[in-house]
Amino acid sequence: MLQTWGLVTRSHALHLDEENAAMSRSHQSRGMICSLFSGRAHWASAGHPRYPLVGLAAMCVVGLVAALVVAGEKAPRTGGTLKIAWVGEPPTLDIHKSTTTSTRRLAWHMFERLFTFDEQYNLIPELAEGYEVSSDGKTYTVRLRKGVLFHNGNELTAEDVIASLKRWMDNDPIPKNYLIPDLEALEATGPHAFEIRLKQPNGATIDFLASIAQGPVIYPKEVIEEAGKDQIKRFIGTGPYQFVEYLPDRHIRLKRFDRYSARSEAANGYGGKRAAYLDELIFYPVADVAVRAAGVEAGDFDVAIEVSTDDYDRFANHPLVDPVIAGPAAYVVFVPNKKSPTMGNVKIRQALLAAIDVEPLMKVAFGDQRFYRLDCSILMKETAWWSQAGCELYNQKNVQKAKQLLQEAGYDGTPIRWITTQVYQQMYKTSVAVKSQLEAAGFKIDLQVLDWATLSKKRYEADFYDVFVTYFTYRPSPVLFYTVLAKTWAGFWDNPKKDELIVQTLRATDQKRQFELWSQLQRLIYEDVPFVRTGDFFDLHLKRKEVKNLTNKPEVFFWNVWIEP
């Protein structure tokens, strides 16, 4: 029997006793399996011969649910408009076309995937009802929920899913590089079922379908056809909120989709029942972090996303505003352009890595230690993929080594065009702080500040920059990390050994072997330096006290949120 799933996340291991109790109360009749790539539960038909029920460690989460109302809280209330101070203008609302956080965190209120993640980052169905895998691991049959409606009133069918997945595969580097080569056919087998047929087993197939960044959201087939190779022209999905209007530099307005087909399970992480309690969501692009915070305090906004952590003490005991610490959210990265004449030289990239002292950067950007931590692992401590491979090269703060590497590389003082943004203060502050560190090691840094939408586009222009700044959000598995490792992603890391290790990881069926391969890939990242990792950080959001049930998870969302007068 082909083994494709098995690892358990660290966070899951800490909650086994709680989950055992929940499972004894559960009325779920489905069987489930655990993802080797994520330690997350995958739902399949009960009694499927390929997935016998095994011991507790392999059972993952079945009965654990996230309660909407905490003890003593009033029942959710329907109605009202939530005014959200958003982090700048999203470059697009077409998730297939963008990896940016501002796009997906806004647009996933309109668009949904086949699978998503529960409270412990186990995979659970979203638009899917379940799936089966053939005994040879080459055929996945995915069943869709019936009666799910798009915002135009048409029912979701397998034809919509096929069209959406094909378009996603054409745009997202993850499936383009690591799924399409194995794909034999993608076909509807009925109005509410389709098959993924592979040339050879790929244990991450379902993980791909739950990807968050540039994820495989489902659009109507006709919307995809009218868009062609361009961005979609009509924002029609199946989510709890539907598109109303987009006025650039003013706001994006969504309203409740009254015919939304919510799941029956209790809310659980990013999945389960999604209730649209609010009449409207209005996202205001507010690039200035201080204006976002002041707007919530004044009552102009109900929620402000990603305000300065320096504001925490001011709002900790505020009579009208609650601070929300969310995360671990992400870590800031400095991404060299491997096609540039300077940063294409690996010794110059290694000098960049050697010179950096991470702690001062984190203090400048986040101040309070409640909002950051140092860690070398590419995937965070909360995952099953936390590794120490290559960690001797993290946070070296070795100026002399950096100078020696620059000398060996023949660096002639050519200015390094370093593009950053003030829209995300953590990116700007770390850029300013690291500039002095790098110049002390012999670099000459030309710091250029762009708005986020411009930076998001310009980072794909190889002749425009040498280093750009972004952050990598929390990813519970390597599969969800592969986008930023693809040679077509900004920074352009083209390394045959990297590609070989990723393929080997996808093919491996032994859990220990998979972790070894991922650790080898992490070491290669530190040696070849496609990016430089800083420290993990936690976001600070603000909400008016009347706003209830705002998540503290890494990815923010506003379904299951209500306003209590």
Protein backbone atom coordinates (compact mmCIF):
# COMPACT_ATOMS: atom_id res chain seq x y z
CA MET A 1 0.00 0.00 0.00
CA LEU A 2 1.35 3.38 -0.99
CA GLN A 3 1.84 5.57 2.07
CA THR A 4 1.29 9.23 1.34
CA TRP A 5 0.22 10.71 4.67
CA GLY A 6 1.37 10.46 8.25
CA LEU A 7 3.20 13.29 10.04
CA VAL A 8 1.50 15.10 12.90
CA THR A 9 2.04 18.78 13.68
CA ARG A 10 3.62 19.85 16.97
CA SER A 11 0.49 21.78 17.88
CA HIS A 12 -1.62 18.72 17.19
CA ALA A 13 0.52 16.59 19.47
CA LEU A 14 -0.12 19.03 22.31
CA HIS A 15 -3.87 18.65 21.94
CA LEU A 16 -4.30 14.89 21.58
CA ASP A 17 -6.16 14.53 24.87
CA GLU A 18 -8.57 17.35 24.02
CA GLU A 19 -9.15 15.90 20.59
CA ASN A 20 -9.75 12.43 22.01
CA ALA A 21 -12.57 13.81 24.14
CA ALA A 22 -13.98 15.73 21.21
CA MET A 23 -13.85 12.64 19.00
CA SER A 24 -15.87 10.66 21.52
CA ARG A 25 -18.62 13.27 21.20
CA SER A 26 -18.38 13.59 17.42
CA HIS A 27 -21.20 12.42 15.17
CA GLN A 28 -19.06 12.58 12.04
CA SER A 29 -19.42 9.41 9.95
CA ARG A 30 -16.50 10.02 7.61
CA GLY A 31 -13.06 8.42 7.86
CA MET A 32 -9.96 10.58 7.61
CA ILE A 33 -6.26 10.42 6.94
CA CYS A 34 -3.32 12.61 7.91
CA SER A 35 -1.19 14.57 5.50
CA LEU A 36 2.45 13.63 5.28
CA PHE A 37 3.14 17.14 4.04
CA SER A 38 1.20 18.98 6.68
CA GLY A 39 0.06 16.68 9.44
CA ARG A 40 -3.47 17.77 8.56
CA ALA A 41 -6.59 15.66 8.27
CA HIS A 42 -7.95 14.79 4.84
CA TRP A 43 -11.53 13.59 4.60
CA ALA A 44 -12.24 10.49 2.55
CA SER A 45 -15.11 8.04 2.38
CA ALA A 46 -15.59 6.00 5.55
CA GLY A 47 -14.32 2.49 5.24
CA HIS A 48 -12.19 3.18 2.20
CA PRO A 49 -9.75 0.24 2.09
CA ARG A 50 -6.77 2.50 1.58
CA TYR A 51 -7.36 4.36 4.85
CA PRO A 52 -7.92 1.94 7.74
CA LEU A 53 -8.36 3.62 11.09
CA VAL A 54 -5.10 3.39 13.00
CA GLY A 55 -3.79 4.55 16.37
CA LEU A 56 -4.43 7.89 18.01
CA ALA A 57 -1.28 9.53 16.64
CA ALA A 58 -2.53 8.97 13.08
CA MET A 59 -6.11 10.02 13.69
CA CYS A 60 -5.60 13.83 13.68
CA VAL A 61 -8.59 16.01 14.37
CA VAL A 62 -12.19 14.93 13.85
CA GLY A 63 -14.25 16.38 16.63
CA LEU A 64 -12.36 19.51 17.61
CA VAL A 65 -14.42 22.60 16.74
CA ALA A 66 -13.93 26.29 17.36
CA ALA A 67 -16.85 27.78 19.27
CA LEU A 68 -18.22 31.01 17.86
CA VAL A 69 -19.38 32.30 21.20
CA VAL A 70 -17.19 32.15 24.30
CA ALA A 71 -18.64 31.68 27.75
CA GLY A 72 -20.77 34.63 28.74
CA GLU A 73 -20.81 36.14 25.25
CA LYS A 74 -24.10 37.16 23.68
CA ALA A 75 -25.38 35.26 20.67
CA PRO A 76 -24.17 36.56 17.28
CA ARG A 77 -26.13 39.46 15.86
CA THR A 78 -26.92 39.96 12.18
CA GLY A 79 -26.61 43.36 10.55
CA GLY A 80 -24.36 46.37 10.34
CA THR A 81 -21.42 47.47 8.22
CA LEU A 82 -17.84 46.67 9.16
CA LYS A 83 -15.41 49.41 8.12
CA ILE A 84 -11.89 48.04 7.80
CA ALA A 85 -8.70 50.08 7.51
CA TRP A 86 -6.77 47.91 5.06
CA VAL A 87 -3.05 47.83 4.36
CA GLY A 88 -2.98 49.75 1.10
CA GLU A 89 -4.44 49.03 -2.30
CA PRO A 90 -4.38 45.37 -3.42
CA PRO A 91 -2.75 44.98 -6.85
CA THR A 92 -5.68 42.82 -7.98
CA LEU A 93 -8.68 40.88 -6.64
CA ASP A 94 -7.87 37.92 -8.89
CA ILE A 95 -6.28 35.38 -6.54
CA HIS A 96 -5.02 33.24 -9.43
CA LYS A 97 -2.89 36.17 -10.54
CA SER A 98 -1.26 37.30 -7.29
CA THR A 99 0.66 35.97 -4.30
CA THR A 100 0.15 39.17 -2.29
CA THR A 101 -1.35 39.05 1.19
CA SER A 102 -3.54 42.09 0.57
CA THR A 103 -5.19 40.31 -2.37
CA ARG A 104 -5.93 36.96 -0.80
CA ARG A 105 -7.01 38.23 2.64
CA LEU A 106 -9.62 40.44 0.99
CA ALA A 107 -10.68 38.26 -1.93
CA TRP A 108 -11.16 35.02 0.01
CA HIS A 109 -14.35 36.50 1.44
CA MET A 110 -15.72 36.15 -2.11
CA PHE A 111 -13.90 33.08 -3.42
CA GLU A 112 -13.45 29.60 -1.94
CA ARG A 113 -11.23 26.56 -2.45
CA LEU A 114 -11.93 22.87 -2.49
CA PHE A 115 -10.04 22.33 0.78
CA THR A 116 -8.89 24.54 3.65
CA PHE A 117 -7.38 24.25 7.16
CA ASP A 118 -8.86 23.64 10.58
CA GLU A 119 -7.72 25.02 13.94
CA GLN A 120 -4.71 22.67 14.05
CA TYR A 121 -3.84 23.16 10.35
CA ASN A 122 -5.28 19.83 9.35
CA LEU A 123 -6.77 19.76 5.86
CA ILE A 124 -10.56 19.74 5.77
CA PRO A 125 -13.06 20.09 2.90
CA GLU A 126 -14.46 23.45 1.86
CA LEU A 127 -16.25 23.20 -1.49
CA ALA A 128 -15.37 19.52 -1.67
CA GLU A 129 -17.50 16.92 0.06
CA GLY A 130 -14.68 14.40 0.18
CA TYR A 131 -12.35 12.38 -2.02
CA GLU A 132 -10.99 8.91 -2.70
CA VAL A 133 -7.61 7.76 -3.95
CA SER A 134 -7.01 4.66 -6.07
CA SER A 135 -4.90 1.86 -4.64
CA ASP A 136 -1.95 2.80 -6.88
CA GLY A 137 -2.09 6.43 -5.76
CA LYS A 138 -2.53 7.73 -9.30
CA THR A 139 -6.23 8.67 -9.39
CA TYR A 140 -7.97 11.14 -7.08
CA THR A 141 -11.76 11.31 -7.28
CA VAL A 142 -13.06 14.48 -5.63
CA ARG A 143 -16.75 14.82 -4.75
CA LEU A 144 -18.27 18.30 -4.65
CA ARG A 145 -20.97 19.61 -2.35
CA LYS A 146 -24.33 19.86 -4.05
CA GLY A 147 -26.44 23.00 -4.04
CA VAL A 148 -23.54 25.43 -3.71
CA LEU A 149 -24.40 28.63 -5.56
CA PHE A 150 -22.24 31.25 -7.19
CA HIS A 151 -23.10 34.88 -6.57
CA ASN A 152 -24.86 34.97 -9.97
CA GLY A 153 -27.28 32.26 -8.81
CA ASN A 154 -25.81 29.42 -10.87
CA GLU A 155 -24.91 26.16 -9.15
CA LEU A 156 -21.28 25.12 -8.78
CA THR A 157 -20.43 22.18 -11.04
CA ALA A 158 -17.38 20.11 -11.85
CA GLU A 159 -17.00 22.06 -15.12
CA ASP A 160 -16.42 25.26 -13.12
CA VAL A 161 -13.86 23.45 -10.98
CA ILE A 162 -12.00 22.01 -13.98
CA ALA A 163 -11.83 25.42 -15.69
CA SER A 164 -10.64 27.08 -12.47
CA LEU A 165 -7.98 24.49 -11.69
CA LYS A 166 -6.59 24.63 -15.23
CA ARG A 167 -6.36 28.43 -15.06
CA TRP A 168 -4.74 28.26 -11.61
CA MET A 169 -2.20 25.73 -12.90
CA ASP A 170 -1.33 28.10 -15.74
CA ASN A 171 -0.61 30.95 -13.31
CA ASP A 172 0.71 29.52 -10.04
CA PRO A 173 4.34 28.28 -10.04
CA ILE A 174 3.54 25.53 -7.51
CA PRO A 175 1.31 23.36 -9.72
CA LYS A 176 3.11 24.49 -12.86
CA ASN A 177 6.38 23.08 -11.58
CA TYR A 178 5.36 20.29 -9.22
CA LEU A 179 1.92 18.99 -10.24
CA ILE A 180 1.49 19.49 -13.99
CA PRO A 181 4.54 17.32 -14.83
CA ASP A 182 2.74 14.41 -13.12
CA LEU A 183 -0.70 15.22 -14.50
CA GLU A 184 -2.22 12.89 -17.08
CA ALA A 185 -5.80 14.17 -17.08
CA LEU A 186 -8.20 16.44 -15.21
CA GLU A 187 -11.78 15.49 -16.07
CA ALA A 188 -15.32 15.84 -14.78
CA THR A 189 -16.96 12.48 -14.07
CA GLY A 190 -20.37 13.99 -13.35
CA PRO A 191 -21.91 17.33 -12.39
CA HIS A 192 -20.52 17.07 -8.86
CA ALA A 193 -17.36 14.98 -9.19
CA PHE A 194 -14.07 15.06 -11.05
CA GLU A 195 -10.89 13.03 -11.36
CA ILE A 196 -7.23 13.96 -11.17
CA ARG A 197 -5.30 11.23 -12.98
CA LEU A 198 -1.53 11.16 -12.51
CA LYS A 199 1.29 9.50 -14.43
CA GLN A 200 2.94 8.66 -11.13
CA PRO A 201 1.91 9.17 -7.50
CA ASN A 202 2.25 12.66 -6.06
CA GLY A 203 1.58 12.65 -2.33
CA ALA A 204 0.93 16.40 -2.19
CA THR A 205 -1.97 16.47 -4.66
CA ILE A 206 -4.68 17.45 -2.17
CA ASP A 207 -2.31 19.80 -0.33
CA PHE A 208 -1.91 21.74 -3.58
CA LEU A 209 -5.69 22.24 -3.73
CA ALA A 210 -5.65 24.00 -0.34
CA SER A 211 -2.88 26.46 -1.19
CA ILE A 212 -3.56 29.89 0.33
CA ALA A 213 -1.17 32.18 -1.54
CA GLN A 214 -2.26 32.42 -5.19
CA GLY A 215 -4.60 29.56 -4.34
CA PRO A 216 -6.93 27.47 -6.50
CA VAL A 217 -10.15 29.36 -5.80
CA ILE A 218 -13.13 28.44 -7.93
CA TYR A 219 -14.65 30.88 -10.43
CA PRO A 220 -17.56 30.25 -12.82
CA LYS A 221 -16.40 28.71 -16.09
CA GLU A 222 -17.87 31.59 -18.11
CA VAL A 223 -15.94 34.17 -16.06
CA ILE A 224 -12.70 32.35 -16.83
CA GLU A 225 -13.50 32.04 -20.52
CA GLU A 226 -14.28 35.74 -20.92
CA ALA A 227 -11.05 36.70 -19.12
CA GLY A 228 -8.82 34.64 -21.40
CA LYS A 229 -5.20 35.21 -20.34
CA ASP A 230 -6.06 38.46 -18.60
CA GLN A 231 -7.38 39.11 -15.09
CA ILE A 232 -11.00 38.25 -14.43
CA LYS A 233 -13.44 41.05 -15.23
CA ARG A 234 -16.28 39.93 -12.94
CA PHE A 235 -15.68 38.98 -9.32
CA ILE A 236 -18.12 36.09 -8.89
CA GLY A 237 -17.45 33.37 -6.35
CA THR A 238 -19.23 31.14 -3.85
CA GLY A 239 -18.10 32.89 -0.65
CA PRO A 240 -20.17 34.39 2.16
CA TYR A 241 -19.71 37.92 0.80
CA GLN A 242 -20.13 39.13 -2.77
CA PHE A 243 -18.60 41.97 -4.74
CA VAL A 244 -20.40 45.33 -4.93
CA GLU A 245 -17.87 47.92 -6.08
CA TYR A 246 -14.20 48.76 -6.32
CA LEU A 247 -13.33 52.46 -6.35
CA PRO A 248 -9.52 52.70 -6.62
CA ASP A 249 -7.88 54.64 -3.79
CA ARG A 250 -11.26 54.90 -2.04
CA HIS A 251 -12.72 51.53 -1.03
CA ILE A 252 -13.75 48.00 -1.95
CA ARG A 253 -17.29 47.15 -0.90
CA LEU A 254 -18.69 43.64 -0.36
CA LYS A 255 -22.14 42.64 0.82
CA ARG A 256 -23.62 39.53 2.40
CA PHE A 257 -24.50 36.80 -0.07
CA ASP A 258 -27.95 35.85 1.19
CA ARG A 259 -27.97 32.53 -0.69
CA TYR A 260 -24.59 31.43 0.62
CA SER A 261 -24.24 27.68 1.07
CA ALA A 262 -22.48 27.35 4.42
CA ARG A 263 -21.07 24.05 5.63
CA SER A 264 -22.94 22.31 8.43
CA GLU A 265 -19.91 21.69 10.65
CA ALA A 266 -19.07 24.15 13.40
CA ALA A 267 -16.55 26.87 12.58
CA ASN A 268 -13.06 25.41 12.81
CA GLY A 269 -9.92 27.37 11.95
CA TYR A 270 -10.34 28.68 8.41
CA GLY A 271 -13.05 26.12 7.70
CA GLY A 272 -16.36 24.79 8.92
CA LYS A 273 -19.42 27.01 8.99
CA ARG A 274 -18.85 30.53 7.67
CA ALA A 275 -21.58 32.91 8.69
CA ALA A 276 -22.00 36.33 7.07
CA TYR A 277 -23.46 38.19 10.04
CA LEU A 278 -22.58 41.60 8.63
CA ASP A 279 -24.57 43.37 5.93
CA GLU A 280 -21.43 44.83 4.37
CA LEU A 281 -17.66 44.80 4.52
CA ILE A 282 -15.94 47.98 3.36
CA PHE A 283 -12.17 47.84 2.92
CA TYR A 284 -10.47 51.24 2.92
CA PRO A 285 -6.88 51.32 1.60
CA VAL A 286 -4.96 53.26 4.27
CA ALA A 287 -1.23 53.12 3.68
CA ASP A 288 -0.30 55.17 6.75
CA VAL A 289 -0.15 52.89 9.77
CA ALA A 290 -0.74 55.77 12.21
CA VAL A 291 -3.86 56.83 10.33
CA ARG A 292 -5.22 53.28 10.53
CA ALA A 293 -4.81 53.23 14.32
CA ALA A 294 -6.15 56.74 14.85
CA GLY A 295 -9.15 55.93 12.66
CA VAL A 296 -10.22 53.06 14.89
CA GLU A 297 -9.75 55.14 18.01
CA ALA A 298 -11.89 57.93 16.52
CA GLY A 299 -14.59 55.51 15.35
CA ASP A 300 -13.98 56.14 11.65
CA PHE A 301 -13.07 52.46 11.26
CA ASP A 302 -14.21 49.38 13.16
CA VAL A 303 -11.04 47.39 12.51
CA ALA A 304 -7.47 48.33 11.60
CA ILE A 305 -5.18 45.67 10.18
CA GLU A 306 -1.46 45.55 11.02
CA VAL A 307 -0.91 48.65 13.11
CA SER A 308 2.38 49.49 14.78
CA THR A 309 3.28 47.25 17.71
CA ASP A 310 4.41 50.43 19.46
CA ASP A 311 0.70 51.15 19.95
CA TYR A 312 0.02 48.06 22.04
CA ASP A 313 0.40 49.64 25.48
CA ARG A 314 -1.74 52.60 24.47
CA PHE A 315 -4.64 50.32 23.53
CA ALA A 316 -4.18 47.51 26.08
CA ASN A 317 -6.58 49.19 28.53
CA HIS A 318 -8.43 51.46 26.15
CA PRO A 319 -12.13 52.03 26.94
CA LEU A 320 -13.22 51.77 23.28
CA VAL A 321 -10.62 49.68 21.47
CA ASP A 322 -9.20 46.16 21.86
CA PRO A 323 -5.74 45.14 20.58
CA VAL A 324 -5.55 41.71 18.94
CA ILE A 325 -2.19 39.92 18.73
CA ALA A 326 -2.36 37.54 15.76
CA GLY A 327 0.07 34.94 14.57
CA PRO A 328 2.78 33.91 14.29
CA ALA A 329 2.05 35.81 11.13
CA ALA A 330 5.19 35.84 9.01
CA TYR A 331 8.83 36.81 8.75
CA VAL A 332 10.39 39.59 6.71
CA VAL A 333 12.73 38.42 3.95
CA PHE A 334 15.27 40.18 1.76
CA VAL A 335 15.11 38.61 -1.70
CA PRO A 336 18.10 39.06 -4.03
CA ASN A 337 17.45 39.22 -7.76
CA LYS A 338 19.48 36.28 -9.03
CA LYS A 339 19.38 37.74 -12.56
CA SER A 340 21.06 41.01 -11.57
CA PRO A 341 24.81 41.49 -12.28
CA THR A 342 25.57 41.89 -8.56
CA MET A 343 23.19 39.64 -6.67
CA GLY A 344 23.50 36.93 -9.31
CA ASN A 345 26.90 36.27 -7.72
CA VAL A 346 26.42 33.72 -4.94
CA LYS A 347 29.35 35.10 -2.91
CA ILE A 348 27.70 38.52 -2.79
CA ARG A 349 24.48 36.87 -1.60
CA GLN A 350 26.46 34.95 1.02
CA ALA A 351 28.06 38.22 2.13
CA LEU A 352 24.58 39.69 2.54
CA LEU A 353 23.61 36.76 4.75
CA ALA A 354 26.84 36.88 6.77
CA ALA A 355 26.63 40.59 7.59
CA ILE A 356 23.14 40.67 9.08
CA ASP A 357 22.46 40.88 12.82
CA VAL A 358 18.78 39.97 13.15
CA GLU A 359 17.97 41.07 16.71
CA PRO A 360 18.44 44.83 16.12
CA LEU A 361 16.26 44.63 13.01
CA MET A 362 13.45 43.03 14.98
CA LYS A 363 13.75 45.55 17.81
CA VAL A 364 13.54 48.45 15.35
CA ALA A 365 10.57 46.97 13.50
CA PHE A 366 8.58 45.51 16.40
CA GLY A 367 10.00 46.87 19.65
CA ASP A 368 8.23 44.71 22.22
CA GLN A 369 9.52 41.13 22.41
CA ARG A 370 5.92 39.92 22.61
CA PHE A 371 5.77 40.60 18.88
CA TYR A 372 8.84 38.77 17.58
CA ARG A 373 11.17 35.86 18.07
CA LEU A 374 14.38 34.69 16.39
CA ASP A 375 14.31 31.37 14.61
CA CYS A 376 16.33 29.91 11.75
CA SER A 377 13.87 27.28 10.54
CA ILE A 378 12.28 28.10 7.19
CA LEU A 379 8.98 26.59 8.41
CA MET A 380 7.93 27.72 11.86
CA LYS A 381 8.11 25.98 15.21
CA GLU A 382 4.39 25.22 15.21
CA THR A 383 4.79 22.90 12.21
CA ALA A 384 6.09 19.37 11.89
CA TRP A 385 8.82 20.69 9.59
CA TRP A 386 10.83 22.75 12.06
CA SER A 387 14.48 22.05 11.24
CA GLN A 388 17.94 23.18 12.36
CA ALA A 389 19.61 22.39 9.04
CA GLY A 390 21.91 25.20 7.94
CA CYS A 391 21.20 27.20 11.09
CA GLU A 392 24.86 27.93 11.70
CA LEU A 393 24.50 30.37 8.77
CA TYR A 394 21.57 32.23 10.33
CA ASN A 395 22.13 35.50 12.20
CA GLN A 396 25.89 35.35 11.71
CA LYS A 397 26.49 39.11 12.31
CA ASN A 398 29.98 38.52 10.91
CA VAL A 399 31.13 41.73 9.22
CA GLN A 400 34.65 40.47 8.54
CA LYS A 401 33.37 37.36 6.79
CA ALA A 402 31.05 39.52 4.70
CA LYS A 403 33.93 41.80 3.69
CA GLN A 404 36.05 38.78 2.70
CA LEU A 405 33.25 37.34 0.58
CA LEU A 406 32.73 40.68 -1.18
CA GLN A 407 36.45 40.84 -1.93
CA GLU A 408 36.41 37.29 -3.33
CA ALA A 409 33.38 38.18 -5.45
CA GLY A 410 35.12 41.24 -6.89
CA TYR A 411 32.38 43.57 -5.71
CA ASP A 412 33.28 47.06 -6.93
CA GLY A 413 30.89 49.17 -4.89
CA THR A 414 28.10 49.18 -7.46
CA PRO A 415 24.97 50.43 -5.64
CA ILE A 416 22.54 47.68 -4.66
CA ARG A 417 19.09 48.84 -5.72
CA TRP A 418 17.02 47.84 -2.70
CA ILE A 419 13.26 48.32 -3.13
CA THR A 420 10.96 48.44 -0.12
CA THR A 421 7.63 49.98 0.92
CA GLN A 422 6.23 52.04 3.76
CA VAL A 423 2.81 50.42 3.34
CA TYR A 424 4.09 47.54 5.49
CA GLN A 425 6.08 49.23 8.24
CA GLN A 426 7.96 46.06 9.17
CA MET A 427 9.39 45.91 5.64
CA TYR A 428 10.42 49.55 5.67
CA LYS A 429 11.89 49.61 9.17
CA THR A 430 13.96 46.46 8.66
CA SER A 431 15.21 47.84 5.33
CA VAL A 432 16.37 51.08 6.93
CA ALA A 433 18.01 49.22 9.81
CA VAL A 434 19.79 46.64 7.67
CA LYS A 435 21.14 49.34 5.34
CA SER A 436 23.62 50.53 7.96
CA GLN A 437 24.66 46.95 8.79
CA LEU A 438 25.37 46.16 5.15
CA GLU A 439 27.20 49.40 4.49
CA ALA A 440 29.46 48.65 7.47
CA ALA A 441 30.38 45.43 5.67
CA GLY A 442 31.22 47.22 2.41
CA PHE A 443 27.94 47.23 0.50
CA LYS A 444 26.58 50.40 -1.05
CA ILE A 445 22.79 50.42 -0.68
CA ASP A 446 20.45 52.51 -2.82
CA LEU A 447 17.21 52.34 -0.81
CA GLN A 448 14.14 53.02 -2.96
CA VAL A 449 10.65 53.30 -1.44
CA LEU A 450 7.66 52.26 -3.58
CA ASP A 451 3.98 51.78 -2.88
CA TRP A 452 3.13 48.12 -2.37
CA ALA A 453 1.18 47.61 -5.59
CA THR A 454 4.11 48.97 -7.62
CA LEU A 455 6.68 46.90 -5.74
CA SER A 456 4.56 43.76 -6.25
CA LYS A 457 4.72 44.29 -10.02
CA LYS A 458 8.26 45.63 -10.34
CA ARG A 459 9.78 42.68 -8.47
CA TYR A 460 9.12 40.62 -11.61
CA GLU A 461 11.18 43.01 -13.76
CA ALA A 462 14.70 41.62 -13.56
CA ASP A 463 16.41 44.83 -14.70
CA PHE A 464 14.65 47.07 -12.17
CA TYR A 465 16.20 46.06 -8.84
CA ASP A 466 18.81 44.00 -7.01
CA VAL A 467 16.98 43.18 -3.76
CA PHE A 468 13.33 43.50 -2.83
CA VAL A 469 11.66 43.13 0.56
CA THR A 470 8.56 41.13 1.36
CA TYR A 471 7.45 38.72 4.03
CA PHE A 472 6.62 35.03 3.97
CA THR A 473 3.45 34.24 5.85
CA TYR A 474 2.91 31.22 8.08
CA ARG A 475 2.93 28.06 5.99
CA PRO A 476 2.24 24.73 7.70
CA SER A 477 3.89 22.57 5.03
CA PRO A 478 6.64 22.65 2.39
CA VAL A 479 4.04 22.26 -0.36
CA LEU A 480 2.64 25.70 0.45
CA PHE A 481 6.17 27.14 0.41
CA TYR A 482 7.13 26.01 -3.06
CA THR A 483 5.65 29.09 -4.77
CA VAL A 484 8.48 31.29 -3.52
CA LEU A 485 11.09 28.70 -4.49
CA ALA A 486 10.01 28.49 -8.14
CA LYS A 487 12.34 30.03 -10.73
CA THR A 488 9.39 31.96 -12.17
CA TRP A 489 8.68 33.70 -8.85
CA ALA A 490 10.20 37.11 -8.15
CA GLY A 491 13.91 36.82 -7.37
CA PHE A 492 14.22 34.05 -9.98
CA TRP A 493 15.92 31.22 -8.09
CA ASP A 494 16.94 28.73 -10.77
CA ASN A 495 18.78 25.86 -9.10
CA PRO A 496 18.61 22.26 -10.44
CA LYS A 497 19.50 20.77 -7.04
CA LYS A 498 16.56 22.64 -5.49
CA ASP A 499 14.19 21.25 -8.12
CA GLU A 500 15.55 17.73 -7.61
CA LEU A 501 15.08 17.89 -3.83
CA ILE A 502 11.49 19.11 -4.19
CA VAL A 503 10.63 16.29 -6.58
CA GLN A 504 12.26 13.73 -4.29
CA THR A 505 10.25 15.11 -1.36
CA LEU A 506 7.02 14.72 -3.32
CA ARG A 507 7.91 11.15 -4.29
CA ALA A 508 9.10 9.96 -0.87
CA THR A 509 6.61 7.85 1.08
CA ASP A 510 8.61 7.42 4.28
CA GLN A 511 8.04 10.18 6.83
CA LYS A 512 11.60 10.22 8.06
CA ARG A 513 12.95 10.38 4.53
CA GLN A 514 10.67 13.28 3.68
CA PHE A 515 11.90 15.30 6.63
CA GLU A 516 15.51 14.53 5.70
CA LEU A 517 14.91 15.80 2.16
CA TRP A 518 13.22 18.96 3.40
CA SER A 519 16.15 19.57 5.76
CA GLN A 520 18.55 19.19 2.83
CA LEU A 521 16.51 21.78 0.94
CA GLN A 522 16.63 24.13 3.92
CA ARG A 523 20.42 23.77 4.06
CA LEU A 524 20.61 24.56 0.34
CA ILE A 525 18.60 27.73 0.97
CA TYR A 526 21.19 28.89 3.50
CA GLU A 527 24.07 28.00 1.19
CA ASP A 528 22.75 29.47 -2.07
CA VAL A 529 20.82 32.34 -0.42
CA PRO A 530 17.69 32.80 -2.58
CA PHE A 531 16.45 34.95 0.30
CA VAL A 532 17.54 36.05 3.76
CA ARG A 533 15.20 35.25 6.61
CA THR A 534 14.81 37.56 9.60
CA GLY A 535 12.71 36.68 12.69
CA ASP A 536 9.11 35.58 13.09
CA PHE A 537 6.68 38.34 13.95
CA PHE A 538 3.16 38.64 15.27
CA ASP A 539 0.66 41.15 13.88
CA LEU A 540 -1.19 43.70 15.94
CA HIS A 541 -4.73 44.46 14.79
CA LEU A 542 -7.15 46.87 16.47
CA LYS A 543 -10.92 46.54 16.75
CA ARG A 544 -13.68 48.53 18.35
CA LYS A 545 -15.02 46.73 21.43
CA GLU A 546 -18.40 46.20 19.79
CA VAL A 547 -16.73 44.04 17.09
CA LYS A 548 -16.93 40.42 18.22
CA ASN A 549 -15.09 37.20 17.33
CA LEU A 550 -12.24 38.66 15.29
CA THR A 551 -9.67 35.92 14.70
CA ASN A 552 -6.12 35.93 16.06
CA LYS A 553 -4.95 33.44 13.43
CA PRO A 554 -2.15 34.32 11.00
CA GLU A 555 -4.62 34.98 8.15
CA VAL A 556 -7.34 37.51 9.00
CA PHE A 557 -10.97 37.05 7.95
CA PHE A 558 -14.36 38.59 8.76
CA TRP A 559 -16.85 35.78 8.32
CA ASN A 560 -18.24 34.74 11.74
CA VAL A 561 -17.63 38.32 12.94
CA TRP A 562 -20.50 40.46 14.18
CA ILE A 563 -21.14 43.89 15.69
CA GLU A 564 -22.79 44.09 19.08
CA PRO A 565 -24.48 47.46 19.69
